[in-house]
Amino acid sequence: MRVLIPVPLVLLLACAQPKPVSVDPAQNGADCAHAVVIAAATETEGIKAEYQWLKDHHPGAVVLGQSLSSCGDRTVDRLAIREKDGKEGDIYFDITSYFGKN
């Protein structure tokens, strides 16, 4: 049995969740060299994607701080986080594609 979904609903669902995040497992955000690549058009879109990635990959983590840095010619956001178990660390996001774009 096939289920038909109206085209407007498909378009709405496609737009509902931003998916501008890298899918390369090596880009786990553990350090500058492995920063999670965020490919977004604007800072608003990119920041949403960063926090969604964090929610998906580190559920329950709390952001303690955020800072801007660079890795060679790339612009990165460093989020200091505390995991649910109390462990603290940093997650790096490559924000070059949208940094400074409104």
N, C-alpha and C. Protein backbone atom coordinates (compact mmCIF):
# COMPACT_ATOMS: atom_id res chain seq x y z
N MET A 1 0.84 -1.17 0.00
CA MET A 1 0.00 0.00 0.00
C MET A 1 0.89 1.24 0.00
N ARG A 2 0.65 2.14 -0.91
CA ARG A 2 1.44 3.38 -1.00
C ARG A 2 0.66 4.49 -0.33
N VAL A 3 1.41 5.32 0.37
CA VAL A 3 0.81 6.48 1.02
C VAL A 3 1.22 7.70 0.22
N LEU A 4 0.25 8.47 -0.20
CA LEU A 4 0.54 9.68 -0.95
C LEU A 4 0.54 10.86 0.00
N ILE A 5 1.61 11.65 -0.08
CA ILE A 5 1.72 12.83 0.76
C ILE A 5 1.61 14.05 -0.14
N PRO A 6 0.73 14.97 0.18
CA PRO A 6 0.57 16.16 -0.65
C PRO A 6 1.89 16.93 -0.78
N VAL A 7 2.13 17.47 -1.96
CA VAL A 7 3.37 18.20 -2.24
C VAL A 7 3.62 19.33 -1.25
N PRO A 8 2.64 20.16 -0.88
CA PRO A 8 2.92 21.22 0.10
C PRO A 8 3.45 20.67 1.43
N LEU A 9 2.93 19.51 1.86
CA LEU A 9 3.40 18.91 3.10
C LEU A 9 4.85 18.45 2.96
N VAL A 10 5.19 17.86 1.83
CA VAL A 10 6.57 17.43 1.58
C VAL A 10 7.51 18.63 1.65
N LEU A 11 7.12 19.72 1.02
CA LEU A 11 7.96 20.92 1.04
C LEU A 11 8.10 21.47 2.45
N LEU A 12 7.02 21.46 3.21
CA LEU A 12 7.07 21.94 4.58
C LEU A 12 8.01 21.09 5.41
N LEU A 13 7.91 19.77 5.28
CA LEU A 13 8.77 18.88 6.04
C LEU A 13 10.23 19.03 5.63
N ALA A 14 10.48 19.26 4.36
CA ALA A 14 11.85 19.44 3.89
C ALA A 14 12.47 20.70 4.46
N CYS A 15 11.67 21.71 4.69
CA CYS A 15 12.16 22.98 5.21
C CYS A 15 12.16 23.04 6.73
N ALA A 16 11.50 22.11 7.39
CA ALA A 16 11.32 22.19 8.83
C ALA A 16 12.61 22.07 9.61
N GLN A 17 13.48 21.17 9.25
CA GLN A 17 14.72 20.95 9.97
C GLN A 17 15.91 21.35 9.11
N PRO A 18 16.72 22.30 9.58
CA PRO A 18 17.91 22.64 8.80
C PRO A 18 18.86 21.46 8.80
N LYS A 19 19.45 21.16 7.66
CA LYS A 19 20.39 20.05 7.56
C LYS A 19 21.71 20.50 6.95
N PRO A 20 22.24 21.64 7.40
CA PRO A 20 23.48 22.12 6.80
C PRO A 20 24.72 21.64 7.55
N VAL A 21 24.68 20.43 8.09
CA VAL A 21 25.78 19.94 8.89
C VAL A 21 26.49 18.82 8.14
N SER A 22 27.81 18.77 8.31
CA SER A 22 28.58 17.72 7.66
C SER A 22 28.14 16.35 8.17
N VAL A 23 28.31 15.34 7.34
CA VAL A 23 27.96 13.99 7.74
C VAL A 23 29.20 13.10 7.85
N ASP A 24 30.37 13.70 7.70
CA ASP A 24 31.62 12.96 7.82
C ASP A 24 31.85 12.63 9.30
N PRO A 25 31.89 11.34 9.67
CA PRO A 25 32.05 10.98 11.07
C PRO A 25 33.37 11.47 11.67
N ALA A 26 34.37 11.74 10.84
CA ALA A 26 35.65 12.26 11.35
C ALA A 26 35.48 13.68 11.88
N GLN A 27 34.44 14.37 11.41
CA GLN A 27 34.19 15.73 11.86
C GLN A 27 33.27 15.67 13.07
N ASN A 28 33.86 15.26 14.20
CA ASN A 28 33.08 15.07 15.42
C ASN A 28 33.13 16.25 16.37
N GLY A 29 33.85 17.31 15.99
CA GLY A 29 33.92 18.51 16.81
C GLY A 29 34.87 18.43 17.98
N ALA A 30 35.64 17.35 18.09
CA ALA A 30 36.52 17.15 19.24
C ALA A 30 37.65 18.17 19.34
N ASP A 31 38.08 18.68 18.19
CA ASP A 31 39.14 19.67 18.18
C ASP A 31 39.05 20.46 16.88
N CYS A 32 39.94 21.40 16.74
CA CYS A 32 39.91 22.30 15.58
C CYS A 32 40.02 21.52 14.26
N ALA A 33 40.87 20.52 14.23
CA ALA A 33 41.07 19.75 13.01
C ALA A 33 39.86 18.90 12.64
N HIS A 34 38.99 18.62 13.61
CA HIS A 34 37.82 17.79 13.37
C HIS A 34 36.52 18.56 13.59
N ALA A 35 36.56 19.86 13.34
CA ALA A 35 35.39 20.71 13.54
C ALA A 35 34.21 20.24 12.69
N VAL A 36 33.03 20.32 13.27
CA VAL A 36 31.81 19.99 12.55
C VAL A 36 31.55 21.13 11.56
N VAL A 37 31.45 20.80 10.28
CA VAL A 37 31.26 21.82 9.25
C VAL A 37 29.79 22.20 9.17
N ILE A 38 29.53 23.49 9.32
CA ILE A 38 28.17 24.01 9.21
C ILE A 38 28.11 24.81 7.91
N ALA A 39 27.29 24.37 6.98
CA ALA A 39 27.12 25.06 5.69
C ALA A 39 25.77 25.74 5.71
N ALA A 40 25.76 27.01 6.09
CA ALA A 40 24.50 27.74 6.20
C ALA A 40 24.62 29.07 5.45
N ALA A 41 23.48 29.65 5.12
CA ALA A 41 23.46 30.92 4.38
C ALA A 41 23.56 32.13 5.30
N THR A 42 23.07 31.99 6.54
CA THR A 42 23.05 33.11 7.46
C THR A 42 23.51 32.66 8.84
N GLU A 43 23.87 33.63 9.69
CA GLU A 43 24.27 33.29 11.05
C GLU A 43 23.11 32.66 11.83
N THR A 44 21.92 33.16 11.63
CA THR A 44 20.75 32.61 12.33
C THR A 44 20.57 31.14 12.00
N GLU A 45 20.63 30.81 10.73
CA GLU A 45 20.49 29.42 10.28
C GLU A 45 21.63 28.56 10.83
N GLY A 46 22.83 29.10 10.77
CA GLY A 46 24.01 28.35 11.23
C GLY A 46 23.99 28.08 12.72
N ILE A 47 23.60 29.06 13.51
CA ILE A 47 23.55 28.88 14.96
C ILE A 47 22.50 27.83 15.31
N LYS A 48 21.36 27.86 14.64
CA LYS A 48 20.33 26.83 14.86
C LYS A 48 20.90 25.45 14.57
N ALA A 49 21.65 25.34 13.48
CA ALA A 49 22.23 24.04 13.11
C ALA A 49 23.26 23.57 14.14
N GLU A 50 24.06 24.49 14.67
CA GLU A 50 25.03 24.13 15.70
C GLU A 50 24.33 23.53 16.92
N TYR A 51 23.32 24.22 17.40
CA TYR A 51 22.62 23.75 18.60
C TYR A 51 21.82 22.47 18.33
N GLN A 52 21.32 22.30 17.12
CA GLN A 52 20.63 21.06 16.78
C GLN A 52 21.64 19.90 16.77
N TRP A 53 22.81 20.13 16.18
CA TRP A 53 23.85 19.09 16.16
C TRP A 53 24.22 18.72 17.59
N LEU A 54 24.41 19.73 18.42
CA LEU A 54 24.77 19.49 19.82
C LEU A 54 23.69 18.67 20.52
N LYS A 55 22.44 19.02 20.30
CA LYS A 55 21.31 18.29 20.90
C LYS A 55 21.28 16.84 20.42
N ASP A 56 21.54 16.63 19.12
CA ASP A 56 21.50 15.28 18.54
C ASP A 56 22.66 14.41 19.00
N HIS A 57 23.85 15.00 19.15
CA HIS A 57 25.05 14.22 19.44
C HIS A 57 25.49 14.25 20.91
N HIS A 58 24.98 15.21 21.67
CA HIS A 58 25.31 15.32 23.10
C HIS A 58 24.03 15.67 23.86
N PRO A 59 23.04 14.76 23.84
CA PRO A 59 21.76 15.07 24.49
C PRO A 59 21.94 15.41 25.96
N GLY A 60 21.28 16.47 26.38
CA GLY A 60 21.33 16.88 27.77
C GLY A 60 22.52 17.75 28.13
N ALA A 61 23.42 17.97 27.18
CA ALA A 61 24.59 18.81 27.46
C ALA A 61 24.16 20.26 27.64
N VAL A 62 24.89 20.97 28.48
CA VAL A 62 24.63 22.38 28.75
C VAL A 62 25.80 23.19 28.20
N VAL A 63 25.48 24.27 27.48
CA VAL A 63 26.53 25.15 26.96
C VAL A 63 26.97 26.08 28.07
N LEU A 64 28.27 26.05 28.37
CA LEU A 64 28.84 26.88 29.43
C LEU A 64 29.39 28.20 28.88
N GLY A 65 29.78 28.18 27.62
CA GLY A 65 30.34 29.37 27.01
C GLY A 65 30.58 29.15 25.53
N GLN A 66 30.86 30.24 24.86
CA GLN A 66 31.06 30.19 23.42
C GLN A 66 32.14 31.20 23.06
N SER A 67 33.03 30.82 22.15
CA SER A 67 34.06 31.76 21.71
C SER A 67 34.36 31.56 20.24
N LEU A 68 34.83 32.61 19.63
CA LEU A 68 35.18 32.60 18.21
C LEU A 68 36.68 32.42 18.10
N SER A 69 37.09 31.60 17.13
CA SER A 69 38.50 31.35 16.94
C SER A 69 38.76 31.08 15.46
N SER A 70 39.97 30.70 15.14
CA SER A 70 40.28 30.33 13.76
C SER A 70 41.17 29.10 13.76
N CYS A 71 41.04 28.35 12.69
CA CYS A 71 41.87 27.17 12.44
C CYS A 71 42.45 27.38 11.05
N GLY A 72 43.63 27.92 10.97
CA GLY A 72 44.19 28.28 9.68
C GLY A 72 43.33 29.35 9.05
N ASP A 73 42.78 29.08 7.88
CA ASP A 73 41.94 30.06 7.18
C ASP A 73 40.45 29.85 7.44
N ARG A 74 40.11 28.98 8.39
CA ARG A 74 38.71 28.67 8.71
C ARG A 74 38.29 29.40 9.98
N THR A 75 37.04 29.84 10.05
CA THR A 75 36.49 30.46 11.25
C THR A 75 35.72 29.40 12.02
N VAL A 76 35.99 29.30 13.31
CA VAL A 76 35.33 28.28 14.12
C VAL A 76 34.68 28.88 15.36
N ASP A 77 33.59 28.24 15.76
CA ASP A 77 32.91 28.53 17.00
C ASP A 77 33.31 27.41 17.96
N ARG A 78 33.74 27.78 19.16
CA ARG A 78 34.07 26.77 20.16
C ARG A 78 33.02 26.87 21.27
N LEU A 79 32.27 25.79 21.47
CA LEU A 79 31.28 25.76 22.54
C LEU A 79 31.85 24.92 23.68
N ALA A 80 31.95 25.52 24.85
CA ALA A 80 32.32 24.79 26.06
C ALA A 80 31.04 24.18 26.61
N ILE A 81 31.06 22.87 26.84
CA ILE A 81 29.85 22.19 27.29
C ILE A 81 30.10 21.35 28.54
N ARG A 82 29.00 21.06 29.24
CA ARG A 82 29.02 20.09 30.34
C ARG A 82 28.02 19.02 29.97
N GLU A 83 28.51 17.78 29.89
CA GLU A 83 27.65 16.64 29.58
C GLU A 83 26.76 16.30 30.77
N LYS A 84 25.76 15.46 30.54
CA LYS A 84 24.85 15.04 31.61
C LYS A 84 25.61 14.40 32.78
N ASP A 85 26.71 13.70 32.46
CA ASP A 85 27.48 13.02 33.51
C ASP A 85 28.45 13.95 34.24
N GLY A 86 28.44 15.25 33.89
CA GLY A 86 29.30 16.22 34.56
C GLY A 86 30.61 16.50 33.86
N LYS A 87 30.95 15.67 32.89
CA LYS A 87 32.20 15.85 32.15
C LYS A 87 32.12 17.13 31.32
N GLU A 88 33.18 17.92 31.32
CA GLU A 88 33.22 19.16 30.54
C GLU A 88 34.20 19.02 29.38
N GLY A 89 33.89 19.71 28.30
CA GLY A 89 34.75 19.68 27.12
C GLY A 89 34.35 20.75 26.13
N ASP A 90 34.99 20.74 25.01
CA ASP A 90 34.73 21.71 23.95
C ASP A 90 34.27 21.00 22.69
N ILE A 91 33.38 21.65 21.95
CA ILE A 91 32.95 21.19 20.64
C ILE A 91 33.24 22.32 19.66
N TYR A 92 33.89 21.99 18.54
CA TYR A 92 34.27 22.97 17.54
C TYR A 92 33.38 22.86 16.31
N PHE A 93 32.92 24.01 15.81
CA PHE A 93 32.10 24.10 14.61
C PHE A 93 32.80 25.01 13.60
N ASP A 94 32.94 24.53 12.38
CA ASP A 94 33.48 25.35 11.29
C ASP A 94 32.33 26.19 10.75
N ILE A 95 32.38 27.50 10.99
CA ILE A 95 31.29 28.39 10.63
C ILE A 95 31.66 29.33 9.47
N THR A 96 32.71 28.96 8.76
CA THR A 96 33.23 29.81 7.68
C THR A 96 32.17 30.18 6.67
N SER A 97 31.27 29.27 6.34
CA SER A 97 30.30 29.52 5.27
C SER A 97 29.31 30.64 5.60
N TYR A 98 29.05 30.86 6.87
CA TYR A 98 28.02 31.86 7.21
C TYR A 98 28.50 32.97 8.13
N PHE A 99 29.70 32.90 8.62
CA PHE A 99 30.16 33.92 9.57
C PHE A 99 30.08 35.31 8.98
N GLY A 100 29.40 36.21 9.68
CA GLY A 100 29.25 37.60 9.23
C GLY A 100 28.14 37.83 8.23
N LYS A 101 27.35 36.80 7.93
CA LYS A 101 26.25 36.94 6.97
C LYS A 101 24.92 36.98 7.71
N ASN A 102 24.14 38.00 7.40
CA ASN A 102 22.85 38.13 8.08
C ASN A 102 21.77 37.58 7.23
